[in-house]
Amino acid sequence: MAQIEKKAGLLRRTSSSKKPLKEKVVLMYDEIFAKEDPTKNNPRFWDELFLMKVNLEYLEGKLESLDGDEVMKIKDNINSLFHHCVQALGEEHQIKVVNALQTLCALFRGVHQKNKSATGFDIINMLMGFDKAELRMKELMESLDSLLCGDGSESLKSLCLKLLLCLVTVTDNISQNTILEYVMINSIFEAILRILSDVSSRAQHGYDAVVLLALLVNYRKYESVNPYIVKLSIVDDEPTLDGMGMVIHHALTEYNRQYKDKEEENQGGFFSTLSSMVGSMFIADADEKLSVQTNEAILLALYEAVHLNRNFITVLAQSHPEIEMATTPATPVPASPTTPLGTTPPSLDMMNNPELPLDPNLQTSNLLITFLKYSSIVMQDTKDEHRLNSARLCLIILTCIAEDQYADAFLHDDNMNFRVNLHRMPMRHRKKAADKSIPSRPLVCAVLDLMVEFIITHMMKEFPMDLYVRCVQIIHKLICYQKKCRIRMHYTWRELWSALINLLKFLLSNETILLAKHNIFQLALQVVNLFNMFITYGDTFLPTPSSYDELYYEIIRMHQVFENLYCMVLRVSTNAGQWKEPASKVTHALVNVRAIINHFNPKIESYAAVNHISQLSEDQVLEVVRSNYDTLTLKLQDGLDQFERYSEQPREAGFFKELVRSISLNVRKNVSLSTMSQDVLLKEFSSIS
């Protein structure tokens, strides 16, 4: 630093201008922005430039002030600056490397900012010259790859990732960023994997690496063969996949922990002193709800891993010891270099930290549990588009999981039980469940709980139809697996049946309002067919015969809802209009439900009359049901256990395009090289040199 101050001092003594003095680096920038070759008067110009502390603000501002025509007038100098930046990345003098990386970021951002309407080819020409672009980008990507994979400074690696994130997000739509074609050709995929597989690198750079990979996977994913998609889909290296899972798990765990702290603080609990940890992530609205700014970038990374790589499913499911309370014996930690999932951030060993908020009931955890807890938070409030999209992405991920055979096997494994404390929306008519009352059950129960919770808490005027359809589809896919494998889950099915019937009741009560915006018959059909699944195949997957009896009891008890639904769909299906066909499908789907109601209701009324009982108890109704099964006739309905598998293209393409745009804007805003303090960097590398 002393050397730099000495140079600045020399600059002051030689300056004869009475105007405010400029730094030497600013004067050198001005020479670049002149039309003359700066090396004419100073052959050592480029060597000296990269020894100077970069003035990002001035350089970006200068570039942003020039339009395309003005840039083309000094194109040779800009091309030369880019070329010498790339060359400087190979220097042994680390300060030159730091300054070159920061200068490149300023170049990418500055040129794009002013020329948003320019074609990608024009941008490439302005930055590096179209005839030299392929060579320059090859050299740049090779240098970045070497820096990321080398044994050099961690600060330098962080700077490389920041530059790459800057490059990927300079355009609002990353698929319009033509420079990324060179990032496809000169892949850094292996460098990203190396960071994720190494414990030390992952701790410091894992988050940036995972977000970078998620964004690169989404470059022109529907238009051409994206090598990052191909490579991610075939990764089978366990440490790499585990590393990726740990980064995602850590980000979600921290978010869950901070939310819980804030929740307890709002309730005046013990953790009120920890409010400073949360910062601006939580915004209390007029209803005192905890609204949260979610992390779509990490969710996108989780989605791409689950969707593209079958091997990643094993990472979701891996069970790891969690920190236990001091009163219980410690669980031995497996001999593994990696940090157990569900316990600590990958970067820190907090095993002995008494201040870490613990869940005394949860002895083991995994990435899937953490994701379910996260989903239970973000799915609470879906009133604005941002949160709605987060909830939608969570449900898409759960859809992919529910379709996967290995994931289903794990979810339903009766030997793998977990106590999952999902977050529940505060509601006036119910008390908050105590965490200790939650039993240890197979994970599928937690998934079903999450779906039921969503169903009962989002019946509102701004009805999130898309999310409801996805919820019911997830339930259907899980039940299809149970039917196929004859798995008898000990679950509180009555809660699910009650939630579904109340959903039908809501659709009926708000028919006019909802039909103006949505096809409510699609959702009604899905719900009715879920009941048909239970009626037709329930004896193969419901836990006991009495569970099947209870299903009939609920249908009979709430018969008025089903009868009202039938009247409504019959009315719509017999009139000409856009809803005629979908309403007709619901009419046909109700055949067995109506058969049950029409069969048992007269018998219940007869039983009451014979025994002079004005109102039958549940046990008495069940007695009537059990004694009259033999005379019940039902129709066999085809295709109840069939479903359309999830496909991103074309149905979800628009959603992901907008989601990636939103993430890109957010990453661009947050990836500022000022976060990597220039003074700290220069001090570090000055001491090295």
Foldseek 3Di string as FASTA:
>chain_A
DVVQVVVQVVQVVPDPDPPPDDGPLLVLLVVLLDLDDVCVVPVCSLVVNLLHQDPLVSLLVVLLVDALVSLVSSQVSLQVLLQSLLVQLPDPQVSSVLSSLSNLLSLLQSNCNNYVVDALQSSLCSRHRNVCSLVSLLSNLVSLLCQLPDPDDLLSVQSSLLSLLSLQQSHLFSLRNVSCVSCQVNDSLVSLLVLLLDLQSLLRCVLSSLLSLLSQCPHCVVPDDRVSLVVLLPDQDVSSLLSNLLNLLLVLVLVLQLVVLVVQLLVVHPSVVVPVVNPPQFDQDPVRDTAGQDDVSSLSSLQSNLVRYVNSLVQQQDKAFAQEDPVDDDDDHPPDPADTRPHDRSNDDCNPPPPRDDDNQWGIDGSNLSLLQSLLRLLQDCPDPSSVLVNVSSLSSLQSLLQRPVSLCQQQPFVQWGQRDHDADDDPVDDDDDSVPGDTGRNVQSLLVSLLRSLQRQLDLVHPVVSVLSSLSSVLSSLLVCLVVLAAGPHPVVSVLVSLLVSLVSCLVCVVSQVVPDLVLSSLLSSLLVLVCCQVRVVSHHNDPVVSLVSLLSLQVSVVSLVSLLVVLVVLLVDDDPNNVSSVSSNVSCQLSVLSNVQLVVQLVVVCVVVVHPDDDSVSSSVSVVVRPVVRDDDDDPDSSDDDRDDCPPPVVVSVSVSSSVSSVVSVVVSDCVVSPSVVVCVVSVVVD
